[in-house]
Amino acid sequence: MTFELPALPYPETALEPFLSADTMRFHHGKHHQAYVTTLNNLVKDGPYASKSLEEIIRLSANEKDESKTPVFNNAGQHWNHSFFWQSMKPNGGGTPQGELAQRIERDFGGLDKFKDMFQSAAVGQFGSGWAWLIAEKNELKIMKSSNAMNPIAIGKQPLLTCDVWEHAYYLDYQNRRADFVRVFLDRLVNWDFAARNLR
């Protein structure tokens, strides 16, 4: 199986002025592409060659052989980035609707409290990583993960994610991670995508 860089679900300019076309071009076309290329080289002709991306993540996450760590890192980053692009949309933000809105109210005490908790997790992630909204046993939760780790590697259901690696925001926000995360929540987040993942 050969993995390919997925097309962005919107033009590179579509998230401006909140994320620039330059950021999208480097992040998607350079960083994400590098993970895909490296993953293909790592799994070619090996035991993971016929596996799906999700299978590779689940299997390599539990691999005791440290030589398999690069496989997990690149598979995880490919999956995480593919999920992140869909977690945003032009004219995003606003308020979730329907069951997702009800669950956020029930599990976090409202949208504003959810945003505060999500931002705290995202900003508090030391170094590189991700903040996630997940569903676990009929409850919505927030989790953060380092580097390439993600919810599917540990059997949890992701609804949306925010990339807090510096390359996700540095061209536009420099070291102001908190500003980027707030913009993500207020102006970019794709609640429709999260709602579809809840079903």
C-alpha atoms as a PDB file:
ATOM      1  CA  MET A   1       0.000   0.000   0.000  1.00  0.00           C
ATOM      2  CA  THR A   2       1.386   3.390  -0.991  1.00  0.00           C
ATOM      3  CA  PHE A   3       0.249   6.372   1.026  1.00  0.00           C
ATOM      4  CA  GLU A   4      -0.438   9.739  -0.595  1.00  0.00           C
ATOM      5  CA  LEU A   5      -0.690  13.297   0.645  1.00  0.00           C
ATOM      6  CA  PRO A   6      -4.408  14.120   0.763  1.00  0.00           C
ATOM      7  CA  ALA A   7      -5.503  17.326  -0.907  1.00  0.00           C
ATOM      8  CA  LEU A   8      -6.538  20.090   1.445  1.00  0.00           C
ATOM      9  CA  PRO A   9     -10.337  20.282   1.759  1.00  0.00           C
ATOM     10  CA  TYR A  10     -10.127  24.008   0.846  1.00  0.00           C
ATOM     11  CA  PRO A  11      -7.705  26.280  -1.051  1.00  0.00           C
ATOM     12  CA  GLU A  12      -4.448  27.296   0.654  1.00  0.00           C
ATOM     13  CA  THR A  13      -5.791  30.849   0.957  1.00  0.00           C
ATOM     14  CA  ALA A  14      -9.146  29.830   2.442  1.00  0.00           C
ATOM     15  CA  LEU A  15      -8.216  30.211   6.122  1.00  0.00           C
ATOM     16  CA  GLU A  16      -6.757  33.694   5.749  1.00  0.00           C
ATOM     17  CA  PRO A  17      -6.322  35.986   7.601  1.00  0.00           C
ATOM     18  CA  PHE A  18      -6.171  33.484  10.482  1.00  0.00           C
ATOM     19  CA  LEU A  19      -3.726  31.077   8.825  1.00  0.00           C
ATOM     20  CA  SER A  20      -1.775  32.378   5.860  1.00  0.00           C
ATOM     21  CA  ALA A  21      -1.314  30.660   2.528  1.00  0.00           C
ATOM     22  CA  ASP A  22       2.417  30.499   3.333  1.00  0.00           C
ATOM     23  CA  THR A  23       1.697  28.569   6.531  1.00  0.00           C
ATOM     24  CA  MET A  24      -0.605  26.171   4.720  1.00  0.00           C
ATOM     25  CA  ARG A  25       1.857  25.716   1.860  1.00  0.00           C
ATOM     26  CA  PHE A  26       4.750  24.851   4.178  1.00  0.00           C
ATOM     27  CA  HIS A  27       2.714  22.870   6.698  1.00  0.00           C
ATOM     28  CA  HIS A  28       0.757  20.792   4.195  1.00  0.00           C
ATOM     29  CA  GLY A  29       3.048  20.718   1.182  1.00  0.00           C
ATOM     30  CA  LYS A  30       6.363  20.369   3.010  1.00  0.00           C
ATOM     31  CA  HIS A  31       5.881  19.000   6.543  1.00  0.00           C
ATOM     32  CA  HIS A  32       2.961  16.659   5.866  1.00  0.00           C
ATOM     33  CA  GLN A  33       4.426  15.529   2.555  1.00  0.00           C
ATOM     34  CA  ALA A  34       7.688  14.636   4.310  1.00  0.00           C
ATOM     35  CA  TYR A  35       5.849  12.343   6.738  1.00  0.00           C
ATOM     36  CA  VAL A  36       4.099  10.594   3.844  1.00  0.00           C
ATOM     37  CA  THR A  37       7.301  10.147   1.859  1.00  0.00           C
ATOM     38  CA  THR A  38       9.238   8.854   4.867  1.00  0.00           C
ATOM     39  CA  LEU A  39       6.436   6.471   5.855  1.00  0.00           C
ATOM     40  CA  ASN A  40       6.313   4.955   2.383  1.00  0.00           C
ATOM     41  CA  ASN A  41      10.072   4.383   2.456  1.00  0.00           C
ATOM     42  CA  LEU A  42       9.915   2.814   5.931  1.00  0.00           C
ATOM     43  CA  VAL A  43       7.111   0.327   5.256  1.00  0.00           C
ATOM     44  CA  LYS A  44       8.067  -0.672   1.721  1.00  0.00           C
ATOM     45  CA  ASP A  45       8.658  -4.438   1.456  1.00  0.00           C
ATOM     46  CA  GLY A  46       8.284  -4.867   5.229  1.00  0.00           C
ATOM     47  CA  PRO A  47       5.658  -6.368   7.570  1.00  0.00           C
ATOM     48  CA  TYR A  48       3.528  -3.206   7.435  1.00  0.00           C
ATOM     49  CA  ALA A  49       3.485  -2.957   3.639  1.00  0.00           C
ATOM     50  CA  SER A  50      -0.053  -4.299   3.241  1.00  0.00           C
ATOM     51  CA  LYS A  51      -1.536  -2.635   6.332  1.00  0.00           C
ATOM     52  CA  SER A  52      -3.864   0.356   6.441  1.00  0.00           C
ATOM     53  CA  LEU A  53      -2.658   3.554   8.073  1.00  0.00           C
ATOM     54  CA  GLU A  54      -4.801   2.927  11.166  1.00  0.00           C
ATOM     55  CA  GLU A  55      -3.494  -0.637  11.464  1.00  0.00           C
ATOM     56  CA  ILE A  56       0.095   0.569  11.245  1.00  0.00           C
ATOM     57  CA  ILE A  57      -0.536   3.127  13.999  1.00  0.00           C
ATOM     58  CA  ARG A  58      -2.157   0.610  16.342  1.00  0.00           C
ATOM     59  CA  LEU A  59       0.467  -2.064  15.752  1.00  0.00           C
ATOM     60  CA  SER A  60       3.547   0.154  15.856  1.00  0.00           C
ATOM     61  CA  ALA A  61       2.335   2.093  18.919  1.00  0.00           C
ATOM     62  CA  ASN A  62       2.755  -1.082  20.962  1.00  0.00           C
ATOM     63  CA  GLU A  63       5.952  -2.237  19.275  1.00  0.00           C
ATOM     64  CA  LYS A  64       8.738  -3.010  21.757  1.00  0.00           C
ATOM     65  CA  ASP A  65      11.401  -2.809  19.068  1.00  0.00           C
ATOM     66  CA  GLU A  66      12.623   0.796  19.100  1.00  0.00           C
ATOM     67  CA  SER A  67      13.697   0.481  15.481  1.00  0.00           C
ATOM     68  CA  LYS A  68       9.966   0.601  14.658  1.00  0.00           C
ATOM     69  CA  THR A  69       9.515   3.989  16.370  1.00  0.00           C
ATOM     70  CA  PRO A  70      10.076   5.941  13.130  1.00  0.00           C
ATOM     71  CA  VAL A  71       7.239   3.953  11.537  1.00  0.00           C
ATOM     72  CA  PHE A  72       4.861   4.999  14.301  1.00  0.00           C
ATOM     73  CA  ASN A  73       6.064   8.602  14.268  1.00  0.00           C
ATOM     74  CA  ASN A  74       5.538   9.063  10.546  1.00  0.00           C
ATOM     75  CA  ALA A  75       2.283   7.079  10.386  1.00  0.00           C
ATOM     76  CA  GLY A  76       0.901   8.990  13.351  1.00  0.00           C
ATOM     77  CA  GLN A  77       1.892  12.341  11.916  1.00  0.00           C
ATOM     78  CA  HIS A  78       0.357  11.473   8.538  1.00  0.00           C
ATOM     79  CA  TRP A  79      -2.927  10.514  10.195  1.00  0.00           C
ATOM     80  CA  ASN A  80      -2.908  13.445  12.640  1.00  0.00           C
ATOM     81  CA  HIS A  81      -2.327  16.018   9.935  1.00  0.00           C
ATOM     82  CA  SER A  82      -4.990  14.522   7.665  1.00  0.00           C
ATOM     83  CA  PHE A  83      -7.425  14.793  10.586  1.00  0.00           C
ATOM     84  CA  PHE A  84      -6.277  18.329  11.468  1.00  0.00           C
ATOM     85  CA  TRP A  85      -6.989  19.728   7.992  1.00  0.00           C
ATOM     86  CA  GLN A  86     -10.580  18.555   8.345  1.00  0.00           C
ATOM     87  CA  SER A  87     -10.850  19.950  11.882  1.00  0.00           C
ATOM     88  CA  MET A  88     -10.772  23.431  10.343  1.00  0.00           C
ATOM     89  CA  LYS A  89     -12.849  25.144   7.687  1.00  0.00           C
ATOM     90  CA  PRO A  90     -13.302  28.582   6.137  1.00  0.00           C
ATOM     91  CA  ASN A  91     -15.734  30.642   8.220  1.00  0.00           C
ATOM     92  CA  GLY A  92     -15.323  28.129  11.024  1.00  0.00           C
ATOM     93  CA  GLY A  93     -15.829  28.637  14.717  1.00  0.00           C
ATOM     94  CA  GLY A  94     -19.257  29.674  15.883  1.00  0.00           C
ATOM     95  CA  THR A  95     -21.257  27.216  17.933  1.00  0.00           C
ATOM     96  CA  PRO A  96     -21.842  23.487  17.544  1.00  0.00           C
ATOM     97  CA  GLN A  97     -25.371  22.255  17.000  1.00  0.00           C
ATOM     98  CA  GLY A  98     -27.540  19.291  17.890  1.00  0.00           C
ATOM     99  CA  GLU A  99     -26.212  16.364  19.876  1.00  0.00           C
ATOM    100  CA  LEU A 100     -22.650  17.696  19.920  1.00  0.00           C
ATOM    101  CA  ALA A 101     -23.794  20.947  21.512  1.00  0.00           C
ATOM    102  CA  GLN A 102     -25.836  19.021  24.087  1.00  0.00           C
ATOM    103  CA  ARG A 103     -22.893  16.779  24.937  1.00  0.00           C
ATOM    104  CA  ILE A 104     -20.537  19.752  25.321  1.00  0.00           C
ATOM    105  CA  GLU A 105     -23.045  21.389  27.649  1.00  0.00           C
ATOM    106  CA  ARG A 106     -23.441  18.179  29.656  1.00  0.00           C
ATOM    107  CA  ASP A 107     -19.788  17.146  29.850  1.00  0.00           C
ATOM    108  CA  PHE A 108     -18.028  20.520  30.107  1.00  0.00           C
ATOM    109  CA  GLY A 109     -20.681  22.883  31.437  1.00  0.00           C
ATOM    110  CA  GLY A 110     -21.010  24.857  28.210  1.00  0.00           C
ATOM    111  CA  LEU A 111     -19.048  25.961  25.170  1.00  0.00           C
ATOM    112  CA  ASP A 112     -17.088  28.687  26.945  1.00  0.00           C
ATOM    113  CA  LYS A 113     -15.894  26.267  29.602  1.00  0.00           C
ATOM    114  CA  PHE A 114     -14.984  23.737  26.932  1.00  0.00           C
ATOM    115  CA  LYS A 115     -12.919  26.362  25.097  1.00  0.00           C
ATOM    116  CA  ASP A 116     -11.098  27.329  28.278  1.00  0.00           C
ATOM    117  CA  MET A 117     -10.308  23.693  29.071  1.00  0.00           C
ATOM    118  CA  PHE A 118      -9.245  22.898  25.504  1.00  0.00           C
ATOM    119  CA  GLN A 119      -7.025  25.966  25.361  1.00  0.00           C
ATOM    120  CA  SER A 120      -5.451  25.062  28.677  1.00  0.00           C
ATOM    121  CA  ALA A 121      -4.631  21.568  27.394  1.00  0.00           C
ATOM    122  CA  ALA A 122      -3.272  22.875  24.090  1.00  0.00           C
ATOM    123  CA  VAL A 123      -1.127  25.596  25.614  1.00  0.00           C
ATOM    124  CA  GLY A 124      -0.011  23.313  28.443  1.00  0.00           C
ATOM    125  CA  GLN A 125       1.249  20.592  26.089  1.00  0.00           C
ATOM    126  CA  PHE A 126       4.996  20.770  26.667  1.00  0.00           C
ATOM    127  CA  GLY A 127       6.954  20.853  23.438  1.00  0.00           C
ATOM    128  CA  SER A 128       5.370  19.488  20.298  1.00  0.00           C
ATOM    129  CA  GLY A 129       2.020  17.755  20.184  1.00  0.00           C
ATOM    130  CA  TRP A 130      -1.732  17.930  19.814  1.00  0.00           C
ATOM    131  CA  ALA A 131      -4.916  18.787  21.703  1.00  0.00           C
ATOM    132  CA  TRP A 132      -7.970  16.592  21.046  1.00  0.00           C
ATOM    133  CA  LEU A 133     -11.685  16.455  21.685  1.00  0.00           C
ATOM    134  CA  ILE A 134     -12.521  12.774  22.067  1.00  0.00           C
ATOM    135  CA  ALA A 135     -15.489  10.571  22.913  1.00  0.00           C
ATOM    136  CA  GLU A 136     -14.895   7.838  25.457  1.00  0.00           C
ATOM    137  CA  LYS A 137     -17.617   5.616  26.931  1.00  0.00           C
ATOM    138  CA  ASN A 138     -20.422   8.050  26.054  1.00  0.00           C
ATOM    139  CA  GLU A 139     -18.522  11.011  27.525  1.00  0.00           C
ATOM    140  CA  LEU A 140     -16.710  13.826  25.768  1.00  0.00           C
ATOM    141  CA  LYS A 141     -13.206  14.496  27.058  1.00  0.00           C
ATOM    142  CA  ILE A 142     -10.178  16.593  26.219  1.00  0.00           C
ATOM    143  CA  MET A 143      -6.786  14.968  25.877  1.00  0.00           C
ATOM    144  CA  LYS A 144      -3.375  16.122  24.769  1.00  0.00           C
ATOM    145  CA  SER A 145      -0.642  14.038  23.210  1.00  0.00           C
ATOM    146  CA  SER A 146       3.045  14.433  22.495  1.00  0.00           C
ATOM    147  CA  ASN A 147       4.700  14.252  19.114  1.00  0.00           C
ATOM    148  CA  ALA A 148       2.878  11.716  16.887  1.00  0.00           C
ATOM    149  CA  MET A 149       0.680  10.069  19.529  1.00  0.00           C
ATOM    150  CA  ASN A 150      -3.071  10.189  18.917  1.00  0.00           C
ATOM    151  CA  PRO A 151      -6.315   8.779  20.340  1.00  0.00           C
ATOM    152  CA  ILE A 152      -6.661   5.891  17.890  1.00  0.00           C
ATOM    153  CA  ALA A 153      -3.312   4.491  19.043  1.00  0.00           C
ATOM    154  CA  ILE A 154      -4.831   3.981  22.492  1.00  0.00           C
ATOM    155  CA  GLY A 155      -8.318   2.926  21.448  1.00  0.00           C
ATOM    156  CA  LYS A 156     -10.140   6.240  21.807  1.00  0.00           C
ATOM    157  CA  GLN A 157     -12.445   8.066  19.378  1.00  0.00           C
ATOM    158  CA  PRO A 158     -11.189  11.479  18.155  1.00  0.00           C
ATOM    159  CA  LEU A 159     -13.683  14.178  17.173  1.00  0.00           C
ATOM    160  CA  LEU A 160     -11.328  17.043  16.334  1.00  0.00           C
ATOM    161  CA  THR A 161      -7.750  18.171  16.926  1.00  0.00           C
ATOM    162  CA  CYS A 162      -5.535  21.228  17.068  1.00  0.00           C
ATOM    163  CA  ASP A 163      -1.889  20.938  16.036  1.00  0.00           C
ATOM    164  CA  VAL A 164       0.382  22.705  18.512  1.00  0.00           C
ATOM    165  CA  TRP A 165       3.703  21.871  16.879  1.00  0.00           C
ATOM    166  CA  GLU A 166       5.389  25.214  16.233  1.00  0.00           C
ATOM    167  CA  HIS A 167       5.399  24.674  12.475  1.00  0.00           C
ATOM    168  CA  ALA A 168       1.577  24.814  12.592  1.00  0.00           C
ATOM    169  CA  TYR A 169       1.503  28.473  13.583  1.00  0.00           C
ATOM    170  CA  TYR A 170       4.970  30.030  13.822  1.00  0.00           C
ATOM    171  CA  LEU A 171       4.951  31.959  10.528  1.00  0.00           C
ATOM    172  CA  ASP A 172       1.755  33.729  11.583  1.00  0.00           C
ATOM    173  CA  TYR A 173       1.912  33.792  15.391  1.00  0.00           C
ATOM    174  CA  GLN A 174       5.608  33.305  16.223  1.00  0.00           C
ATOM    175  CA  ASN A 175       5.725  31.911  19.778  1.00  0.00           C
ATOM    176  CA  ARG A 176       2.158  32.955  20.667  1.00  0.00           C
ATOM    177  CA  ARG A 177       0.640  29.498  20.868  1.00  0.00           C
ATOM    178  CA  ALA A 178      -2.233  30.709  23.046  1.00  0.00           C
ATOM    179  CA  ASP A 179      -3.278  33.248  20.390  1.00  0.00           C
ATOM    180  CA  PHE A 180      -3.265  30.570  17.704  1.00  0.00           C
ATOM    181  CA  VAL A 181      -5.349  28.162  19.788  1.00  0.00           C
ATOM    182  CA  ARG A 182      -7.908  30.861  20.567  1.00  0.00           C
ATOM    183  CA  VAL A 183      -8.196  31.703  16.866  1.00  0.00           C
ATOM    184  CA  PHE A 184      -8.561  27.998  16.107  1.00  0.00           C
ATOM    185  CA  LEU A 185     -11.467  27.740  18.564  1.00  0.00           C
ATOM    186  CA  ASP A 186     -13.159  31.021  17.647  1.00  0.00           C
ATOM    187  CA  ARG A 187     -12.591  31.241  13.875  1.00  0.00           C
ATOM    188  CA  LEU A 188     -11.397  27.968  12.379  1.00  0.00           C
ATOM    189  CA  VAL A 189     -12.806  24.925  14.164  1.00  0.00           C
ATOM    190  CA  ASN A 190     -15.085  22.726  12.052  1.00  0.00           C
ATOM    191  CA  TRP A 191     -17.931  21.712  14.360  1.00  0.00           C
ATOM    192  CA  ASP A 192     -19.676  19.849  11.521  1.00  0.00           C
ATOM    193  CA  PHE A 193     -16.664  17.543  11.194  1.00  0.00           C
ATOM    194  CA  ALA A 194     -16.631  16.919  14.934  1.00  0.00           C
ATOM    195  CA  ALA A 195     -20.361  16.164  14.888  1.00  0.00           C
ATOM    196  CA  ARG A 196     -19.937  13.629  12.074  1.00  0.00           C
ATOM    197  CA  ASN A 197     -17.217  11.877  14.053  1.00  0.00           C
ATOM    198  CA  LEU A 198     -19.519  11.660  17.073  1.00  0.00           C
ATOM    199  CA  ARG A 199     -21.954   9.394  15.231  1.00  0.00           C
END
